[in-house]
Amino acid sequence: MNIRKKVRWFLPPGTGRYAAIDLWVNAAEDEGWSEAEVQYVIDEVVEATDDAAGLEVLDWYTYK
C-alpha cells in the first residue's frame, strides 16, 4: 500500500512507539483514514527494530 496522506497530531516528548501509536491512530481516525490505512501504519511501527525506528515511521506520516 502506498499511503501519501499525513496526520496532524502532537507527540509528547519521551513517548515510546506503542503509546505514540495510540495517539496517532486517534488523530488518523479523526482525519478520516480508512481502517486498512491505519492498520498498515500500525504494522510498520510494530515491525520496526526499536522505538526510534517506529517513531520515524510515524514521523513520515505526520505533517511538519
C-alpha atoms as a PDB file:
ATOM      1  CA  MET A   1       0.000   0.000   0.000  1.00  0.00           C
ATOM      2  CA  ASN A   2       1.346   3.423  -0.891  1.00  0.00           C
ATOM      3  CA  ILE A   3      -0.086   5.974   1.523  1.00  0.00           C
ATOM      4  CA  ARG A   4       0.776   9.598   0.866  1.00  0.00           C
ATOM      5  CA  LYS A   5      -1.500  11.145   3.466  1.00  0.00           C
ATOM      6  CA  LYS A   6      -0.228  12.850   6.590  1.00  0.00           C
ATOM      7  CA  VAL A   7      -1.815  13.369  10.009  1.00  0.00           C
ATOM      8  CA  ARG A   8      -1.818  16.459  12.227  1.00  0.00           C
ATOM      9  CA  TRP A   9      -1.068  15.435  15.782  1.00  0.00           C
ATOM     10  CA  PHE A  10       1.326  16.141  18.641  1.00  0.00           C
ATOM     11  CA  LEU A  11       3.833  13.653  20.055  1.00  0.00           C
ATOM     12  CA  PRO A  12       4.644  14.458  23.680  1.00  0.00           C
ATOM     13  CA  PRO A  13       8.376  14.234  24.459  1.00  0.00           C
ATOM     14  CA  GLY A  14       9.532  10.903  25.848  1.00  0.00           C
ATOM     15  CA  THR A  15       6.670   8.917  24.335  1.00  0.00           C
ATOM     16  CA  GLY A  16       7.520   5.368  23.203  1.00  0.00           C
ATOM     17  CA  ARG A  17       6.327   3.972  19.910  1.00  0.00           C
ATOM     18  CA  TYR A  18       3.436   1.946  21.349  1.00  0.00           C
ATOM     19  CA  ALA A  19       1.977   4.896  23.258  1.00  0.00           C
ATOM     20  CA  ALA A  20       2.580   7.038  20.180  1.00  0.00           C
ATOM     21  CA  ILE A  21       0.598   4.602  18.026  1.00  0.00           C
ATOM     22  CA  ASP A  22      -2.433   5.149  20.251  1.00  0.00           C
ATOM     23  CA  LEU A  23      -2.200   8.930  19.861  1.00  0.00           C
ATOM     24  CA  TRP A  24      -1.503   8.723  16.143  1.00  0.00           C
ATOM     25  CA  VAL A  25      -4.398   6.326  15.468  1.00  0.00           C
ATOM     26  CA  ASN A  26      -6.855   8.673  17.190  1.00  0.00           C
ATOM     27  CA  ALA A  27      -5.662  11.552  15.017  1.00  0.00           C
ATOM     28  CA  ALA A  28      -5.775   9.455  11.832  1.00  0.00           C
ATOM     29  CA  GLU A  29      -9.317   8.304  12.583  1.00  0.00           C
ATOM     30  CA  ASP A  30     -10.376  11.903  13.237  1.00  0.00           C
ATOM     31  CA  GLU A  31      -8.994  12.810   9.800  1.00  0.00           C
ATOM     32  CA  GLY A  32     -10.932  10.047   8.037  1.00  0.00           C
ATOM     33  CA  TRP A  33      -8.254   7.458   7.375  1.00  0.00           C
ATOM     34  CA  SER A  34      -9.576   4.023   6.461  1.00  0.00           C
ATOM     35  CA  GLU A  35      -9.101   1.046   8.741  1.00  0.00           C
ATOM     36  CA  ALA A  36      -6.755  -0.550   6.185  1.00  0.00           C
ATOM     37  CA  GLU A  37      -4.569   2.577   6.016  1.00  0.00           C
ATOM     38  CA  VAL A  38      -4.337   2.822   9.802  1.00  0.00           C
ATOM     39  CA  GLN A  39      -3.536  -0.882  10.121  1.00  0.00           C
ATOM     40  CA  TYR A  40      -0.798  -0.587   7.510  1.00  0.00           C
ATOM     41  CA  VAL A  41       0.948   2.149   9.507  1.00  0.00           C
ATOM     42  CA  ILE A  42       0.486   0.239  12.780  1.00  0.00           C
ATOM     43  CA  ASP A  43       2.118  -2.815  11.209  1.00  0.00           C
ATOM     44  CA  GLU A  44       5.083  -0.716  10.047  1.00  0.00           C
ATOM     45  CA  VAL A  45       5.574   0.738  13.536  1.00  0.00           C
ATOM     46  CA  VAL A  46       5.285  -2.617  15.306  1.00  0.00           C
ATOM     47  CA  GLU A  47       7.710  -4.261  12.862  1.00  0.00           C
ATOM     48  CA  ALA A  48      10.308  -1.506  13.395  1.00  0.00           C
ATOM     49  CA  THR A  49      13.509  -2.638  15.092  1.00  0.00           C
ATOM     50  CA  ASP A  50      13.216  -0.232  18.034  1.00  0.00           C
ATOM     51  CA  ASP A  51      11.344   2.802  19.376  1.00  0.00           C
ATOM     52  CA  ALA A  52      13.414   5.247  17.333  1.00  0.00           C
ATOM     53  CA  ALA A  53      12.673   3.429  14.085  1.00  0.00           C
ATOM     54  CA  GLY A  54       8.990   3.130  14.975  1.00  0.00           C
ATOM     55  CA  LEU A  55       8.741   6.823  15.774  1.00  0.00           C
ATOM     56  CA  GLU A  56      10.480   7.596  12.491  1.00  0.00           C
ATOM     57  CA  VAL A  57       7.695   5.737  10.675  1.00  0.00           C
ATOM     58  CA  LEU A  58       5.076   7.821  12.470  1.00  0.00           C
ATOM     59  CA  ASP A  59       7.063  10.957  11.720  1.00  0.00           C
ATOM     60  CA  TRP A  60       6.842  10.175   7.998  1.00  0.00           C
ATOM     61  CA  TYR A  61       3.031  10.116   8.260  1.00  0.00           C
ATOM     62  CA  THR A  62       2.954  13.412  10.177  1.00  0.00           C
ATOM     63  CA  TYR A  63       2.580  16.976   8.882  1.00  0.00           C
ATOM     64  CA  LYS A  64       5.526  19.099   9.921  1.00  0.00           C
END
